[in-house]
Amino acid sequence: MAGGRRSATSGQRSGQQIMSTKHQLNRAAKENRLVRIHREELEEGWADGFVVGTGPDFFALELVDKSIRFDGYNCMRYADVSR
């Protein structure tokens, strides 16, 4: 999910980029892979976790901390994922 910082005017992701993100996250969920999610327009840093649910616009991430211990859940929009 490559991407860089976007300005306010270029912050919109294309439909193709969002579909690619959905595909990658669905695959990660099926393979039970740990993922790192960046949402540069909303927050600094990243979230690590396992994709535990997907929907048309949002996905659920079971968060893990630096020690790989479960640390709650977060629901995110595909359109907000920057990489």
PDB file of N, CA and C in Angstrom:
ATOM      1  N   MET A   1       0.829  -1.160   0.000  1.00  0.00           N
ATOM      2  CA  MET A   1       0.000   0.000   0.000  1.00  0.00           C
ATOM      3  C   MET A   1       0.877   1.226   0.000  1.00  0.00           C
ATOM      4  N   ALA A   2       1.578   1.419  -1.054  1.00  0.00           N
ATOM      5  CA  ALA A   2       2.522   2.516  -1.148  1.00  0.00           C
ATOM      6  C   ALA A   2       1.782   3.835  -1.260  1.00  0.00           C
ATOM      7  N   GLY A   3       2.385   4.845  -0.736  1.00  0.00           N
ATOM      8  CA  GLY A   3       1.815   6.174  -0.830  1.00  0.00           C
ATOM      9  C   GLY A   3       2.644   7.123  -0.006  1.00  0.00           C
ATOM     10  N   GLY A   4       2.504   8.387  -0.247  1.00  0.00           N
ATOM     11  CA  GLY A   4       3.225   9.379   0.521  1.00  0.00           C
ATOM     12  C   GLY A   4       2.267  10.366   1.127  1.00  0.00           C
ATOM     13  N   ARG A   5       2.803  11.369   1.773  1.00  0.00           N
ATOM     14  CA  ARG A   5       1.964  12.396   2.357  1.00  0.00           C
ATOM     15  C   ARG A   5       1.241  13.124   1.240  1.00  0.00           C
ATOM     16  N   ARG A   6      -0.027  13.381   1.475  1.00  0.00           N
ATOM     17  CA  ARG A   6      -0.848  14.045   0.468  1.00  0.00           C
ATOM     18  C   ARG A   6      -1.275  15.407   0.985  1.00  0.00           C
ATOM     19  N   SER A   7      -1.391  16.363   0.103  1.00  0.00           N
ATOM     20  CA  SER A   7      -1.875  17.676   0.501  1.00  0.00           C
ATOM     21  C   SER A   7      -3.397  17.626   0.615  1.00  0.00           C
ATOM     22  N   ALA A   8      -3.975  18.674   1.178  1.00  0.00           N
ATOM     23  CA  ALA A   8      -5.425  18.714   1.355  1.00  0.00           C
ATOM     24  C   ALA A   8      -6.152  18.608   0.026  1.00  0.00           C
ATOM     25  N   THR A   9      -5.559  19.147  -1.038  1.00  0.00           N
ATOM     26  CA  THR A   9      -6.233  19.103  -2.329  1.00  0.00           C
ATOM     27  C   THR A   9      -6.033  17.777  -3.040  1.00  0.00           C
ATOM     28  N   SER A  10      -4.973  17.035  -2.701  1.00  0.00           N
ATOM     29  CA  SER A  10      -4.735  15.771  -3.388  1.00  0.00           C
ATOM     30  C   SER A  10      -5.000  14.578  -2.476  1.00  0.00           C
ATOM     31  N   GLY A  11      -5.695  14.789  -1.355  1.00  0.00           N
ATOM     32  CA  GLY A  11      -5.917  13.757  -0.366  1.00  0.00           C
ATOM     33  C   GLY A  11      -6.870  12.659  -0.791  1.00  0.00           C
ATOM     34  N   GLN A  12      -7.613  12.862  -1.850  1.00  0.00           N
ATOM     35  CA  GLN A  12      -8.565  11.850  -2.280  1.00  0.00           C
ATOM     36  C   GLN A  12      -7.848  10.718  -2.996  1.00  0.00           C
ATOM     37  N   ARG A  13      -8.145   9.494  -2.595  1.00  0.00           N
ATOM     38  CA  ARG A  13      -7.576   8.321  -3.255  1.00  0.00           C
ATOM     39  C   ARG A  13      -8.520   7.903  -4.363  1.00  0.00           C
ATOM     40  N   SER A  14      -7.968   7.394  -5.431  1.00  0.00           N
ATOM     41  CA  SER A  14      -8.790   6.961  -6.561  1.00  0.00           C
ATOM     42  C   SER A  14      -9.536   5.686  -6.206  1.00  0.00           C
ATOM     43  N   GLY A  15     -10.595   5.410  -6.934  1.00  0.00           N
ATOM     44  CA  GLY A  15     -11.344   4.175  -6.742  1.00  0.00           C
ATOM     45  C   GLY A  15     -10.471   2.954  -6.937  1.00  0.00           C
ATOM     46  N   GLN A  16      -9.546   3.029  -7.878  1.00  0.00           N
ATOM     47  CA  GLN A  16      -8.637   1.912  -8.145  1.00  0.00           C
ATOM     48  C   GLN A  16      -7.703   1.682  -6.945  1.00  0.00           C
ATOM     49  N   GLN A  17      -7.210   2.746  -6.334  1.00  0.00           N
ATOM     50  CA  GLN A  17      -6.340   2.619  -5.156  1.00  0.00           C
ATOM     51  C   GLN A  17      -7.103   1.999  -3.987  1.00  0.00           C
ATOM     52  N   ILE A  18      -8.341   2.426  -3.798  1.00  0.00           N
ATOM     53  CA  ILE A  18      -9.161   1.887  -2.707  1.00  0.00           C
ATOM     54  C   ILE A  18      -9.447   0.408  -2.944  1.00  0.00           C
ATOM     55  N   MET A  19      -9.759   0.034  -4.186  1.00  0.00           N
ATOM     56  CA  MET A  19     -10.018  -1.373  -4.505  1.00  0.00           C
ATOM     57  C   MET A  19      -8.768  -2.212  -4.270  1.00  0.00           C
ATOM     58  N   SER A  20      -7.603  -1.683  -4.591  1.00  0.00           N
ATOM     59  CA  SER A  20      -6.351  -2.389  -4.352  1.00  0.00           C
ATOM     60  C   SER A  20      -6.134  -2.600  -2.851  1.00  0.00           C
ATOM     61  N   THR A  21      -6.422  -1.580  -2.051  1.00  0.00           N
ATOM     62  CA  THR A  21      -6.300  -1.689  -0.601  1.00  0.00           C
ATOM     63  C   THR A  21      -7.250  -2.757  -0.075  1.00  0.00           C
ATOM     64  N   LYS A  22      -8.503  -2.744  -0.558  1.00  0.00           N
ATOM     65  CA  LYS A  22      -9.481  -3.750  -0.145  1.00  0.00           C
ATOM     66  C   LYS A  22      -8.981  -5.152  -0.464  1.00  0.00           C
ATOM     67  N   HIS A  23      -8.481  -5.330  -1.675  1.00  0.00           N
ATOM     68  CA  HIS A  23      -7.986  -6.640  -2.104  1.00  0.00           C
ATOM     69  C   HIS A  23      -6.841  -7.104  -1.205  1.00  0.00           C
ATOM     70  N   GLN A  24      -5.887  -6.225  -0.943  1.00  0.00           N
ATOM     71  CA  GLN A  24      -4.734  -6.586  -0.111  1.00  0.00           C
ATOM     72  C   GLN A  24      -5.156  -6.931   1.316  1.00  0.00           C
ATOM     73  N   LEU A  25      -6.098  -6.172   1.867  1.00  0.00           N
ATOM     74  CA  LEU A  25      -6.538  -6.436   3.236  1.00  0.00           C
ATOM     75  C   LEU A  25      -7.395  -7.694   3.320  1.00  0.00           C
ATOM     76  N   ASN A  26      -8.221  -7.959   2.308  1.00  0.00           N
ATOM     77  CA  ASN A  26      -8.991  -9.205   2.279  1.00  0.00           C
ATOM     78  C   ASN A  26      -8.055 -10.406   2.231  1.00  0.00           C
ATOM     79  N   ARG A  27      -7.017 -10.296   1.432  1.00  0.00           N
ATOM     80  CA  ARG A  27      -6.042 -11.385   1.331  1.00  0.00           C
ATOM     81  C   ARG A  27      -5.307 -11.582   2.660  1.00  0.00           C
ATOM     82  N   ALA A  28      -4.923 -10.488   3.297  1.00  0.00           N
ATOM     83  CA  ALA A  28      -4.256 -10.581   4.598  1.00  0.00           C
ATOM     84  C   ALA A  28      -5.166 -11.247   5.626  1.00  0.00           C
ATOM     85  N   ALA A  29      -6.458 -10.945   5.568  1.00  0.00           N
ATOM     86  CA  ALA A  29      -7.415 -11.562   6.500  1.00  0.00           C
ATOM     87  C   ALA A  29      -7.491 -13.070   6.266  1.00  0.00           C
ATOM     88  N   LYS A  30      -7.583 -13.473   5.004  1.00  0.00           N
ATOM     89  CA  LYS A  30      -7.674 -14.904   4.670  1.00  0.00           C
ATOM     90  C   LYS A  30      -6.414 -15.657   5.072  1.00  0.00           C
ATOM     91  N   GLU A  31      -5.262 -14.993   4.964  1.00  0.00           N
ATOM     92  CA  GLU A  31      -3.980 -15.631   5.273  1.00  0.00           C
ATOM     93  C   GLU A  31      -3.552 -15.405   6.725  1.00  0.00           C
ATOM     94  N   ASN A  32      -4.396 -14.694   7.491  1.00  0.00           N
ATOM     95  CA  ASN A  32      -4.118 -14.400   8.899  1.00  0.00           C
ATOM     96  C   ASN A  32      -2.734 -13.771   9.083  1.00  0.00           C
ATOM     97  N   ARG A  33      -2.435 -12.777   8.228  1.00  0.00           N
ATOM     98  CA  ARG A  33      -1.138 -12.093   8.264  1.00  0.00           C
ATOM     99  C   ARG A  33      -1.212 -10.811   9.080  1.00  0.00           C
ATOM    100  N   LEU A  34      -0.143 -10.519   9.789  1.00  0.00           N
ATOM    101  CA  LEU A  34      -0.002  -9.263  10.505  1.00  0.00           C
ATOM    102  C   LEU A  34       0.218  -8.150   9.476  1.00  0.00           C
ATOM    103  N   VAL A  35      -0.489  -7.022   9.634  1.00  0.00           N
ATOM    104  CA  VAL A  35      -0.354  -5.901   8.704  1.00  0.00           C
ATOM    105  C   VAL A  35       0.003  -4.634   9.476  1.00  0.00           C
ATOM    106  N   ARG A  36       0.579  -3.686   8.767  1.00  0.00           N
ATOM    107  CA  ARG A  36       0.870  -2.359   9.310  1.00  0.00           C
ATOM    108  C   ARG A  36       0.095  -1.358   8.466  1.00  0.00           C
ATOM    109  N   ILE A  37      -0.730  -0.554   9.123  1.00  0.00           N
ATOM    110  CA  ILE A  37      -1.602   0.399   8.451  1.00  0.00           C
ATOM    111  C   ILE A  37      -1.144   1.823   8.770  1.00  0.00           C
ATOM    112  N   HIS A  38      -0.957   2.619   7.734  1.00  0.00           N
ATOM    113  CA  HIS A  38      -0.638   4.047   7.883  1.00  0.00           C
ATOM    114  C   HIS A  38      -1.852   4.840   7.425  1.00  0.00           C
ATOM    115  N   ARG A  39      -2.201   5.876   8.183  1.00  0.00           N
ATOM    116  CA  ARG A  39      -3.282   6.803   7.803  1.00  0.00           C
ATOM    117  C   ARG A  39      -2.753   8.216   7.990  1.00  0.00           C
ATOM    118  N   GLU A  40      -1.864   8.616   7.095  1.00  0.00           N
ATOM    119  CA  GLU A  40      -1.099   9.846   7.253  1.00  0.00           C
ATOM    120  C   GLU A  40      -1.946  11.115   7.300  1.00  0.00           C
ATOM    121  N   GLU A  41      -3.113  11.099   6.681  1.00  0.00           N
ATOM    122  CA  GLU A  41      -3.975  12.284   6.712  1.00  0.00           C
ATOM    123  C   GLU A  41      -4.652  12.454   8.073  1.00  0.00           C
ATOM    124  N   LEU A  42      -4.736  11.372   8.847  1.00  0.00           N
ATOM    125  CA  LEU A  42      -5.463  11.409  10.117  1.00  0.00           C
ATOM    126  C   LEU A  42      -4.573  11.375  11.348  1.00  0.00           C
ATOM    127  N   GLU A  43      -3.445  10.657  11.257  1.00  0.00           N
ATOM    128  CA  GLU A  43      -2.608  10.497  12.427  1.00  0.00           C
ATOM    129  C   GLU A  43      -1.185  10.141  12.020  1.00  0.00           C
ATOM    130  N   GLU A  44      -0.253  10.443  12.891  1.00  0.00           N
ATOM    131  CA  GLU A  44       1.135  10.061  12.647  1.00  0.00           C
ATOM    132  C   GLU A  44       1.350   8.638  13.141  1.00  0.00           C
ATOM    133  N   GLY A  45       2.330   7.980  12.582  1.00  0.00           N
ATOM    134  CA  GLY A  45       2.626   6.622  13.007  1.00  0.00           C
ATOM    135  C   GLY A  45       1.800   5.607  12.240  1.00  0.00           C
ATOM    136  N   TRP A  46       1.547   4.476  12.879  1.00  0.00           N
ATOM    137  CA  TRP A  46       0.870   3.379  12.209  1.00  0.00           C
ATOM    138  C   TRP A  46       0.153   2.528  13.238  1.00  0.00           C
ATOM    139  N   ALA A  47      -0.620   1.581  12.728  1.00  0.00           N
ATOM    140  CA  ALA A  47      -1.290   0.584  13.567  1.00  0.00           C
ATOM    141  C   ALA A  47      -0.916  -0.787  13.031  1.00  0.00           C
ATOM    142  N   ASP A  48      -0.513  -1.687  13.917  1.00  0.00           N
ATOM    143  CA  ASP A  48      -0.209  -3.062  13.555  1.00  0.00           C
ATOM    144  C   ASP A  48      -1.342  -3.949  14.053  1.00  0.00           C
ATOM    145  N   GLY A  49      -1.693  -4.956  13.267  1.00  0.00           N
ATOM    146  CA  GLY A  49      -2.731  -5.867  13.718  1.00  0.00           C
ATOM    147  C   GLY A  49      -3.129  -6.871  12.654  1.00  0.00           C
ATOM    148  N   PHE A  50      -4.197  -7.588  12.974  1.00  0.00           N
ATOM    149  CA  PHE A  50      -4.755  -8.599  12.085  1.00  0.00           C
ATOM    150  C   PHE A  50      -6.122  -8.127  11.607  1.00  0.00           C
ATOM    151  N   VAL A  51      -6.379  -8.230  10.315  1.00  0.00           N
ATOM    152  CA  VAL A  51      -7.676  -7.869   9.760  1.00  0.00           C
ATOM    153  C   VAL A  51      -8.660  -8.962  10.166  1.00  0.00           C
ATOM    154  N   VAL A  52      -9.683  -8.585  10.933  1.00  0.00           N
ATOM    155  CA  VAL A  52     -10.644  -9.567  11.437  1.00  0.00           C
ATOM    156  C   VAL A  52     -12.033  -9.407  10.836  1.00  0.00           C
ATOM    157  N   GLY A  53     -12.223  -8.390  10.029  1.00  0.00           N
ATOM    158  CA  GLY A  53     -13.510  -8.195   9.372  1.00  0.00           C
ATOM    159  C   GLY A  53     -13.383  -7.175   8.266  1.00  0.00           C
ATOM    160  N   THR A  54     -14.125  -7.396   7.185  1.00  0.00           N
ATOM    161  CA  THR A  54     -14.118  -6.458   6.060  1.00  0.00           C
ATOM    162  C   THR A  54     -15.551  -6.194   5.621  1.00  0.00           C
ATOM    163  N   GLY A  55     -15.775  -4.997   5.155  1.00  0.00           N
ATOM    164  CA  GLY A  55     -17.082  -4.607   4.649  1.00  0.00           C
ATOM    165  C   GLY A  55     -16.907  -3.769   3.407  1.00  0.00           C
ATOM    166  N   PRO A  56     -17.969  -3.170   2.916  1.00  0.00           N
ATOM    167  CA  PRO A  56     -17.877  -2.393   1.680  1.00  0.00           C
ATOM    168  C   PRO A  56     -17.000  -1.145   1.800  1.00  0.00           C
ATOM    169  N   ASP A  57     -17.003  -0.489   2.955  1.00  0.00           N
ATOM    170  CA  ASP A  57     -16.266   0.763   3.132  1.00  0.00           C
ATOM    171  C   ASP A  57     -15.263   0.740   4.277  1.00  0.00           C
ATOM    172  N   PHE A  58     -15.441  -0.184   5.223  1.00  0.00           N
ATOM    173  CA  PHE A  58     -14.625  -0.239   6.436  1.00  0.00           C
ATOM    174  C   PHE A  58     -14.055  -1.636   6.635  1.00  0.00           C
ATOM    175  N   PHE A  59     -12.995  -1.706   7.451  1.00  0.00           N
ATOM    176  CA  PHE A  59     -12.470  -2.994   7.886  1.00  0.00           C
ATOM    177  C   PHE A  59     -12.146  -2.897   9.371  1.00  0.00           C
ATOM    178  N   ALA A  60     -12.126  -4.046  10.043  1.00  0.00           N
ATOM    179  CA  ALA A  60     -11.810  -4.102  11.470  1.00  0.00           C
ATOM    180  C   ALA A  60     -10.425  -4.694  11.644  1.00  0.00           C
ATOM    181  N   LEU A  61      -9.643  -4.049  12.488  1.00  0.00           N
ATOM    182  CA  LEU A  61      -8.276  -4.474  12.752  1.00  0.00           C
ATOM    183  C   LEU A  61      -8.157  -4.831  14.232  1.00  0.00           C
ATOM    184  N   GLU A  62      -7.712  -6.055  14.520  1.00  0.00           N
ATOM    185  CA  GLU A  62      -7.404  -6.439  15.895  1.00  0.00           C
ATOM    186  C   GLU A  62      -5.974  -5.986  16.153  1.00  0.00           C
ATOM    187  N   LEU A  63      -5.838  -4.964  16.971  1.00  0.00           N
ATOM    188  CA  LEU A  63      -4.547  -4.319  17.197  1.00  0.00           C
ATOM    189  C   LEU A  63      -3.623  -5.187  18.038  1.00  0.00           C
ATOM    190  N   VAL A  64      -2.337  -5.078  17.755  1.00  0.00           N
ATOM    191  CA  VAL A  64      -1.312  -5.714  18.588  1.00  0.00           C
ATOM    192  C   VAL A  64      -0.291  -4.648  18.969  1.00  0.00           C
ATOM    193  N   ASP A  65       0.271  -4.790  20.179  1.00  0.00           N
ATOM    194  CA  ASP A  65       1.270  -3.834  20.632  1.00  0.00           C
ATOM    195  C   ASP A  65       2.670  -4.284  20.217  1.00  0.00           C
ATOM    196  N   LYS A  66       3.680  -3.586  20.682  1.00  0.00           N
ATOM    197  CA  LYS A  66       5.060  -3.886  20.290  1.00  0.00           C
ATOM    198  C   LYS A  66       5.512  -5.271  20.732  1.00  0.00           C
ATOM    199  N   SER A  67       4.857  -5.812  21.762  1.00  0.00           N
ATOM    200  CA  SER A  67       5.192  -7.152  22.246  1.00  0.00           C
ATOM    201  C   SER A  67       4.349  -8.225  21.562  1.00  0.00           C
ATOM    202  N   ILE A  68       3.598  -7.850  20.529  1.00  0.00           N
ATOM    203  CA  ILE A  68       2.685  -8.722  19.793  1.00  0.00           C
ATOM    204  C   ILE A  68       1.615  -9.292  20.734  1.00  0.00           C
ATOM    205  N   ARG A  69       1.126  -8.447  21.620  1.00  0.00           N
ATOM    206  CA  ARG A  69      -0.011  -8.799  22.475  1.00  0.00           C
ATOM    207  C   ARG A  69      -1.228  -8.063  21.951  1.00  0.00           C
ATOM    208  N   PHE A  70      -2.383  -8.720  21.996  1.00  0.00           N
ATOM    209  CA  PHE A  70      -3.606  -8.090  21.519  1.00  0.00           C
ATOM    210  C   PHE A  70      -3.928  -6.862  22.358  1.00  0.00           C
ATOM    211  N   ASP A  71      -4.368  -5.799  21.665  1.00  0.00           N
ATOM    212  CA  ASP A  71      -4.544  -4.496  22.315  1.00  0.00           C
ATOM    213  C   ASP A  71      -5.822  -3.802  21.856  1.00  0.00           C
ATOM    214  N   GLY A  72      -6.880  -4.553  21.643  1.00  0.00           N
ATOM    215  CA  GLY A  72      -8.148  -3.955  21.260  1.00  0.00           C
ATOM    216  C   GLY A  72      -8.410  -4.022  19.763  1.00  0.00           C
ATOM    217  N   TYR A  73      -9.410  -3.267  19.345  1.00  0.00           N
ATOM    218  CA  TYR A  73      -9.849  -3.266  17.952  1.00  0.00           C
ATOM    219  C   TYR A  73      -9.965  -1.838  17.446  1.00  0.00           C
ATOM    220  N   ASN A  74      -9.876  -1.691  16.130  1.00  0.00           N
ATOM    221  CA  ASN A  74     -10.072  -0.400  15.495  1.00  0.00           C
ATOM    222  C   ASN A  74     -10.791  -0.635  14.176  1.00  0.00           C
ATOM    223  N   CYS A  75     -11.774   0.181  13.906  1.00  0.00           N
ATOM    224  CA  CYS A  75     -12.497   0.119  12.635  1.00  0.00           C
ATOM    225  C   CYS A  75     -12.008   1.296  11.785  1.00  0.00           C
ATOM    226  N   MET A  76     -11.596   1.008  10.547  1.00  0.00           N
ATOM    227  CA  MET A  76     -11.005   2.032   9.680  1.00  0.00           C
ATOM    228  C   MET A  76     -11.637   2.003   8.299  1.00  0.00           C
ATOM    229  N   ARG A  77     -11.610   3.154   7.642  1.00  0.00           N
ATOM    230  CA  ARG A  77     -12.081   3.232   6.255  1.00  0.00           C
ATOM    231  C   ARG A  77     -10.945   2.887   5.308  1.00  0.00           C
ATOM    232  N   TYR A  78     -11.257   2.115   4.267  1.00  0.00           N
ATOM    233  CA  TYR A  78     -10.246   1.813   3.243  1.00  0.00           C
ATOM    234  C   TYR A  78      -9.694   3.104   2.662  1.00  0.00           C
ATOM    235  N   ALA A  79     -10.573   4.090   2.452  1.00  0.00           N
ATOM    236  CA  ALA A  79     -10.161   5.347   1.810  1.00  0.00           C
ATOM    237  C   ALA A  79      -9.149   6.123   2.643  1.00  0.00           C
ATOM    238  N   ASP A  80      -9.056   5.857   3.952  1.00  0.00           N
ATOM    239  CA  ASP A  80      -8.112   6.563   4.814  1.00  0.00           C
ATOM    240  C   ASP A  80      -6.728   5.937   4.851  1.00  0.00           C
ATOM    241  N   VAL A  81      -6.582   4.727   4.324  1.00  0.00           N
ATOM    242  CA  VAL A  81      -5.286   4.037   4.361  1.00  0.00           C
ATOM    243  C   VAL A  81      -4.371   4.676   3.329  1.00  0.00           C
ATOM    244  N   SER A  82      -3.212   5.129   3.793  1.00  0.00           N
ATOM    245  CA  SER A  82      -2.268   5.766   2.865  1.00  0.00           C
ATOM    246  C   SER A  82      -1.172   4.812   2.400  1.00  0.00           C
ATOM    247  N   ARG A  83      -0.854   3.793   3.194  1.00  0.00           N
ATOM    248  CA  ARG A  83       0.089   2.759   2.796  1.00  0.00           C
ATOM    249  C   ARG A  83       0.051   1.636   3.789  1.00  0.00           C
TER     250      ARG A  83
END
